[in-house]
PDB file of N, CA and C in Angstrom:
ATOM      1  N   MET A   1      -3.829 -20.608  -2.857  1.00  0.00           N
ATOM      2  CA  MET A   1      -4.701 -19.480  -2.601  1.00  0.00           C
ATOM      3  C   MET A   1      -3.940 -18.186  -2.894  1.00  0.00           C
ATOM      4  N   LEU A   2      -4.556 -17.291  -3.634  1.00  0.00           N
ATOM      5  CA  LEU A   2      -3.933 -16.012  -3.947  1.00  0.00           C
ATOM      6  C   LEU A   2      -3.989 -15.088  -2.738  1.00  0.00           C
ATOM      7  N   PRO A   3      -2.967 -14.252  -2.570  1.00  0.00           N
ATOM      8  CA  PRO A   3      -2.993 -13.322  -1.438  1.00  0.00           C
ATOM      9  C   PRO A   3      -4.040 -12.230  -1.648  1.00  0.00           C
ATOM     10  N   PHE A   4      -4.554 -11.710  -0.559  1.00  0.00           N
ATOM     11  CA  PHE A   4      -5.477 -10.579  -0.570  1.00  0.00           C
ATOM     12  C   PHE A   4      -4.617  -9.336  -0.753  1.00  0.00           C
ATOM     13  N   ARG A   5      -4.895  -8.515  -1.760  1.00  0.00           N
ATOM     14  CA  ARG A   5      -4.039  -7.381  -2.118  1.00  0.00           C
ATOM     15  C   ARG A   5      -4.650  -6.056  -1.668  1.00  0.00           C
ATOM     16  N   PHE A   6      -3.864  -5.292  -0.934  1.00  0.00           N
ATOM     17  CA  PHE A   6      -4.299  -4.005  -0.401  1.00  0.00           C
ATOM     18  C   PHE A   6      -3.573  -2.849  -1.071  1.00  0.00           C
ATOM     19  N   VAL A   7      -4.254  -1.709  -1.146  1.00  0.00           N
ATOM     20  CA  VAL A   7      -3.639  -0.424  -1.457  1.00  0.00           C
ATOM     21  C   VAL A   7      -3.865   0.449  -0.232  1.00  0.00           C
ATOM     22  N   ILE A   8      -2.812   1.099   0.242  1.00  0.00           N
ATOM     23  CA  ILE A   8      -2.914   2.008   1.382  1.00  0.00           C
ATOM     24  C   ILE A   8      -3.006   3.429   0.846  1.00  0.00           C
ATOM     25  N   VAL A   9      -4.023   4.165   1.277  1.00  0.00           N
ATOM     26  CA  VAL A   9      -4.180   5.565   0.896  1.00  0.00           C
ATOM     27  C   VAL A   9      -3.719   6.407   2.073  1.00  0.00           C
ATOM     28  N   GLY A  10      -2.630   7.132   1.868  1.00  0.00           N
ATOM     29  CA  GLY A  10      -2.022   7.947   2.913  1.00  0.00           C
ATOM     30  C   GLY A  10      -0.619   7.443   3.195  1.00  0.00           C
ATOM     31  N   SER A  11       0.297   8.366   3.390  1.00  0.00           N
ATOM     32  CA  SER A  11       1.687   7.963   3.610  1.00  0.00           C
ATOM     33  C   SER A  11       2.246   8.510   4.918  1.00  0.00           C
ATOM     34  N   GLY A  12       1.359   8.856   5.833  1.00  0.00           N
ATOM     35  CA  GLY A  12       1.794   9.347   7.143  1.00  0.00           C
ATOM     36  C   GLY A  12       2.257   8.218   8.044  1.00  0.00           C
ATOM     37  N   ASN A  13       2.492   8.535   9.292  1.00  0.00           N
ATOM     38  CA  ASN A  13       3.029   7.561  10.249  1.00  0.00           C
ATOM     39  C   ASN A  13       2.155   6.324  10.404  1.00  0.00           C
ATOM     40  N   ILE A  14       0.840   6.479  10.392  1.00  0.00           N
ATOM     41  CA  ILE A  14      -0.040   5.324  10.604  1.00  0.00           C
ATOM     42  C   ILE A  14       0.033   4.344   9.430  1.00  0.00           C
ATOM     43  N   SER A  15       0.389   4.833   8.252  1.00  0.00           N
ATOM     44  CA  SER A  15       0.498   3.924   7.105  1.00  0.00           C
ATOM     45  C   SER A  15       1.585   2.885   7.333  1.00  0.00           C
ATOM     46  N   ARG A  16       2.640   3.246   8.035  1.00  0.00           N
ATOM     47  CA  ARG A  16       3.714   2.295   8.357  1.00  0.00           C
ATOM     48  C   ARG A  16       3.172   1.180   9.246  1.00  0.00           C
ATOM     49  N   THR A  17       2.287   1.520  10.182  1.00  0.00           N
ATOM     50  CA  THR A  17       1.685   0.515  11.058  1.00  0.00           C
ATOM     51  C   THR A  17       0.868  -0.480  10.242  1.00  0.00           C
ATOM     52  N   TYR A  18       0.072   0.029   9.306  1.00  0.00           N
ATOM     53  CA  TYR A  18      -0.718  -0.855   8.446  1.00  0.00           C
ATOM     54  C   TYR A  18       0.186  -1.707   7.559  1.00  0.00           C
ATOM     55  N   LEU A  19       1.213  -1.102   6.990  1.00  0.00           N
ATOM     56  CA  LEU A  19       2.134  -1.844   6.133  1.00  0.00           C
ATOM     57  C   LEU A  19       2.793  -2.981   6.903  1.00  0.00           C
ATOM     58  N   ASP A  20       3.258  -2.693   8.101  1.00  0.00           N
ATOM     59  CA  ASP A  20       3.880  -3.730   8.931  1.00  0.00           C
ATOM     60  C   ASP A  20       2.880  -4.828   9.287  1.00  0.00           C
ATOM     61  N   GLY A  21       1.652  -4.437   9.621  1.00  0.00           N
ATOM     62  CA  GLY A  21       0.629  -5.418   9.988  1.00  0.00           C
ATOM     63  C   GLY A  21       0.284  -6.346   8.843  1.00  0.00           C
ATOM     64  N   VAL A  22       0.085  -5.790   7.663  1.00  0.00           N
ATOM     65  CA  VAL A  22      -0.247  -6.618   6.503  1.00  0.00           C
ATOM     66  C   VAL A  22       0.943  -7.504   6.137  1.00  0.00           C
ATOM     67  N   SER A  23       2.153  -6.989   6.284  1.00  0.00           N
ATOM     68  CA  SER A  23       3.353  -7.764   5.957  1.00  0.00           C
ATOM     69  C   SER A  23       3.490  -9.008   6.829  1.00  0.00           C
ATOM     70  N   ASN A  24       2.884  -8.990   8.003  1.00  0.00           N
ATOM     71  CA  ASN A  24       2.944 -10.137   8.908  1.00  0.00           C
ATOM     72  C   ASN A  24       1.925 -11.222   8.568  1.00  0.00           C
ATOM     73  N   LEU A  25       1.074 -10.980   7.584  1.00  0.00           N
ATOM     74  CA  LEU A  25       0.054 -11.950   7.186  1.00  0.00           C
ATOM     75  C   LEU A  25       0.491 -12.668   5.915  1.00  0.00           C
ATOM     76  N   ALA A  26       0.588 -13.982   5.984  1.00  0.00           N
ATOM     77  CA  ALA A  26       1.030 -14.756   4.821  1.00  0.00           C
ATOM     78  C   ALA A  26       0.048 -14.659   3.658  1.00  0.00           C
ATOM     79  N   GLU A  27      -1.223 -14.448   3.954  1.00  0.00           N
ATOM     80  CA  GLU A  27      -2.241 -14.448   2.906  1.00  0.00           C
ATOM     81  C   GLU A  27      -2.617 -13.046   2.424  1.00  0.00           C
ATOM     82  N   ALA A  28      -1.779 -12.042   2.723  1.00  0.00           N
ATOM     83  CA  ALA A  28      -2.078 -10.669   2.315  1.00  0.00           C
ATOM     84  C   ALA A  28      -0.800  -9.951   1.905  1.00  0.00           C
ATOM     85  N   GLU A  29      -0.970  -8.922   1.064  1.00  0.00           N
ATOM     86  CA  GLU A  29       0.172  -8.107   0.661  1.00  0.00           C
ATOM     87  C   GLU A  29      -0.295  -6.704   0.301  1.00  0.00           C
ATOM     88  N   VAL A  30       0.589  -5.743   0.458  1.00  0.00           N
ATOM     89  CA  VAL A  30       0.333  -4.371   0.027  1.00  0.00           C
ATOM     90  C   VAL A  30       0.945  -4.232  -1.361  1.00  0.00           C
ATOM     91  N   VAL A  31       0.135  -3.827  -2.331  1.00  0.00           N
ATOM     92  CA  VAL A  31       0.615  -3.702  -3.706  1.00  0.00           C
ATOM     93  C   VAL A  31       0.758  -2.255  -4.150  1.00  0.00           C
ATOM     94  N   GLY A  32       0.235  -1.313  -3.358  1.00  0.00           N
ATOM     95  CA  GLY A  32       0.344   0.086  -3.738  1.00  0.00           C
ATOM     96  C   GLY A  32       0.120   1.004  -2.564  1.00  0.00           C
ATOM     97  N   LEU A  33       0.666   2.215  -2.702  1.00  0.00           N
ATOM     98  CA  LEU A  33       0.498   3.250  -1.688  1.00  0.00           C
ATOM     99  C   LEU A  33       0.174   4.549  -2.410  1.00  0.00           C
ATOM    100  N   VAL A  34      -0.862   5.240  -1.967  1.00  0.00           N
ATOM    101  CA  VAL A  34      -1.245   6.517  -2.561  1.00  0.00           C
ATOM    102  C   VAL A  34      -0.756   7.633  -1.656  1.00  0.00           C
ATOM    103  N   SER A  35       0.018   8.545  -2.251  1.00  0.00           N
ATOM    104  CA  SER A  35       0.574   9.685  -1.526  1.00  0.00           C
ATOM    105  C   SER A  35       0.308  10.945  -2.338  1.00  0.00           C
ATOM    106  N   ARG A  36      -0.220  11.981  -1.715  1.00  0.00           N
ATOM    107  CA  ARG A  36      -0.495  13.225  -2.445  1.00  0.00           C
ATOM    108  C   ARG A  36       0.751  13.771  -3.122  1.00  0.00           C
ATOM    109  N   ARG A  37       1.877  13.602  -2.474  1.00  0.00           N
ATOM    110  CA  ARG A  37       3.133  14.109  -3.039  1.00  0.00           C
ATOM    111  C   ARG A  37       3.724  13.169  -4.081  1.00  0.00           C
ATOM    112  N   GLY A  38       3.261  11.926  -4.085  1.00  0.00           N
ATOM    113  CA  GLY A  38       3.786  10.961  -5.037  1.00  0.00           C
ATOM    114  C   GLY A  38       5.197  10.503  -4.723  1.00  0.00           C
ATOM    115  N   ARG A  39       5.635  10.725  -3.500  1.00  0.00           N
ATOM    116  CA  ARG A  39       6.988  10.339  -3.087  1.00  0.00           C
ATOM    117  C   ARG A  39       6.968   9.021  -2.343  1.00  0.00           C
ATOM    118  N   ARG A  40       8.043   8.266  -2.517  1.00  0.00           N
ATOM    119  CA  ARG A  40       8.201   6.993  -1.812  1.00  0.00           C
ATOM    120  C   ARG A  40       8.670   7.278  -0.391  1.00  0.00           C
ATOM    121  N   PRO A  41       7.882   6.878   0.613  1.00  0.00           N
ATOM    122  CA  PRO A  41       8.310   7.072   2.002  1.00  0.00           C
ATOM    123  C   PRO A  41       9.556   6.231   2.303  1.00  0.00           C
ATOM    124  N   PRO A  42      10.410   6.703   3.202  1.00  0.00           N
ATOM    125  CA  PRO A  42      11.602   5.931   3.563  1.00  0.00           C
ATOM    126  C   PRO A  42      11.221   4.544   4.076  1.00  0.00           C
ATOM    127  N   GLY A  43      11.951   3.543   3.617  1.00  0.00           N
ATOM    128  CA  GLY A  43      11.731   2.187   4.091  1.00  0.00           C
ATOM    129  C   GLY A  43      10.620   1.422   3.401  1.00  0.00           C
ATOM    130  N   LEU A  44       9.914   2.056   2.470  1.00  0.00           N
ATOM    131  CA  LEU A  44       8.840   1.357   1.753  1.00  0.00           C
ATOM    132  C   LEU A  44       9.470   0.333   0.807  1.00  0.00           C
ATOM    133  N   PRO A  45       9.050  -0.923   0.884  1.00  0.00           N
ATOM    134  CA  PRO A  45       9.630  -1.941  -0.004  1.00  0.00           C
ATOM    135  C   PRO A  45       9.470  -1.557  -1.477  1.00  0.00           C
ATOM    136  N   THR A  46      10.460  -1.887  -2.279  1.00  0.00           N
ATOM    137  CA  THR A  46      10.405  -1.551  -3.705  1.00  0.00           C
ATOM    138  C   THR A  46       9.294  -2.302  -4.434  1.00  0.00           C
ATOM    139  N   SER A  47       8.772  -3.353  -3.828  1.00  0.00           N
ATOM    140  CA  SER A  47       7.673  -4.107  -4.442  1.00  0.00           C
ATOM    141  C   SER A  47       6.343  -3.359  -4.360  1.00  0.00           C
ATOM    142  N   VAL A  48       6.288  -2.286  -3.562  1.00  0.00           N
ATOM    143  CA  VAL A  48       5.069  -1.493  -3.397  1.00  0.00           C
ATOM    144  C   VAL A  48       5.178  -0.254  -4.281  1.00  0.00           C
ATOM    145  N   SER A  49       4.283  -0.122  -5.247  1.00  0.00           N
ATOM    146  CA  SER A  49       4.275   1.035  -6.136  1.00  0.00           C
ATOM    147  C   SER A  49       3.629   2.228  -5.446  1.00  0.00           C
ATOM    148  N   VAL A  50       4.067   3.435  -5.820  1.00  0.00           N
ATOM    149  CA  VAL A  50       3.539   4.671  -5.235  1.00  0.00           C
ATOM    150  C   VAL A  50       2.782   5.442  -6.314  1.00  0.00           C
ATOM    151  N   TYR A  51       1.603   5.941  -5.939  1.00  0.00           N
ATOM    152  CA  TYR A  51       0.740   6.673  -6.860  1.00  0.00           C
ATOM    153  C   TYR A  51       0.310   7.983  -6.216  1.00  0.00           C
ATOM    154  N   ARG A  52      -0.088   8.950  -7.043  1.00  0.00           N
ATOM    155  CA  ARG A  52      -0.579  10.232  -6.521  1.00  0.00           C
ATOM    156  C   ARG A  52      -2.082  10.223  -6.276  1.00  0.00           C
ATOM    157  N   ALA A  53      -2.803   9.285  -6.884  1.00  0.00           N
ATOM    158  CA  ALA A  53      -4.262   9.198  -6.725  1.00  0.00           C
ATOM    159  C   ALA A  53      -4.697   7.743  -6.852  1.00  0.00           C
ATOM    160  N   LEU A  54      -5.771   7.393  -6.178  1.00  0.00           N
ATOM    161  CA  LEU A  54      -6.284   6.025  -6.233  1.00  0.00           C
ATOM    162  C   LEU A  54      -6.651   5.634  -7.664  1.00  0.00           C
ATOM    163  N   ALA A  55      -7.150   6.582  -8.440  1.00  0.00           N
ATOM    164  CA  ALA A  55      -7.533   6.300  -9.828  1.00  0.00           C
ATOM    165  C   ALA A  55      -6.335   5.927 -10.701  1.00  0.00           C
ATOM    166  N   GLU A  56      -5.126   6.241 -10.265  1.00  0.00           N
ATOM    167  CA  GLU A  56      -3.916   5.923 -11.027  1.00  0.00           C
ATOM    168  C   GLU A  56      -3.396   4.509 -10.776  1.00  0.00           C
ATOM    169  N   VAL A  57      -3.902   3.840  -9.754  1.00  0.00           N
ATOM    170  CA  VAL A  57      -3.396   2.506  -9.408  1.00  0.00           C
ATOM    171  C   VAL A  57      -3.653   1.569 -10.583  1.00  0.00           C
ATOM    172  N   ASP A  58      -2.574   0.973 -11.092  1.00  0.00           N
ATOM    173  CA  ASP A  58      -2.674   0.143 -12.289  1.00  0.00           C
ATOM    174  C   ASP A  58      -2.377  -1.336 -12.025  1.00  0.00           C
ATOM    175  N   VAL A  59      -2.432  -1.723 -10.769  1.00  0.00           N
ATOM    176  CA  VAL A  59      -2.264  -3.132 -10.409  1.00  0.00           C
ATOM    177  C   VAL A  59      -3.564  -3.620  -9.774  1.00  0.00           C
ATOM    178  N   PRO A  60      -3.898  -4.890  -9.935  1.00  0.00           N
ATOM    179  CA  PRO A  60      -5.126  -5.404  -9.318  1.00  0.00           C
ATOM    180  C   PRO A  60      -5.034  -5.356  -7.790  1.00  0.00           C
ATOM    181  N   PHE A  61      -6.133  -4.970  -7.146  1.00  0.00           N
ATOM    182  CA  PHE A  61      -6.184  -4.976  -5.682  1.00  0.00           C
ATOM    183  C   PHE A  61      -7.586  -5.330  -5.237  1.00  0.00           C
ATOM    184  N   ASP A  62      -7.677  -5.796  -3.990  1.00  0.00           N
ATOM    185  CA  ASP A  62      -8.951  -6.257  -3.447  1.00  0.00           C
ATOM    186  C   ASP A  62      -9.594  -5.273  -2.482  1.00  0.00           C
ATOM    187  N   ALA A  63      -8.773  -4.461  -1.810  1.00  0.00           N
ATOM    188  CA  ALA A  63      -9.316  -3.552  -0.797  1.00  0.00           C
ATOM    189  C   ALA A  63      -8.382  -2.368  -0.602  1.00  0.00           C
ATOM    190  N   VAL A  64      -8.947  -1.310  -0.023  1.00  0.00           N
ATOM    191  CA  VAL A  64      -8.203  -0.081   0.263  1.00  0.00           C
ATOM    192  C   VAL A  64      -8.185   0.138   1.765  1.00  0.00           C
ATOM    193  N   ILE A  65      -7.029   0.526   2.280  1.00  0.00           N
ATOM    194  CA  ILE A  65      -6.897   0.923   3.685  1.00  0.00           C
ATOM    195  C   ILE A  65      -6.714   2.433   3.696  1.00  0.00           C
ATOM    196  N   LEU A  66      -7.601   3.142   4.376  1.00  0.00           N
ATOM    197  CA  LEU A  66      -7.477   4.596   4.506  1.00  0.00           C
ATOM    198  C   LEU A  66      -6.666   4.900   5.752  1.00  0.00           C
ATOM    199  N   ALA A  67      -5.474   5.430   5.543  1.00  0.00           N
ATOM    200  CA  ALA A  67      -4.566   5.679   6.671  1.00  0.00           C
ATOM    201  C   ALA A  67      -4.385   7.164   6.906  1.00  0.00           C
TER     202      ALA A  67
END
């Protein structure tokens, strides 16, 4: 079974909570994070790409989490 792929929109404190929660699920993964500044937040795994806008996400995903 393929994992359910999420993109998180927002890079504030609550995004870390969502990232940690999804990371605890074997059948889900975060594949991208949208940040207005386009900066990688500290501690974000290198496997998660960072984008400035949702329209720029170039990896397949199944759902968006608004954080």
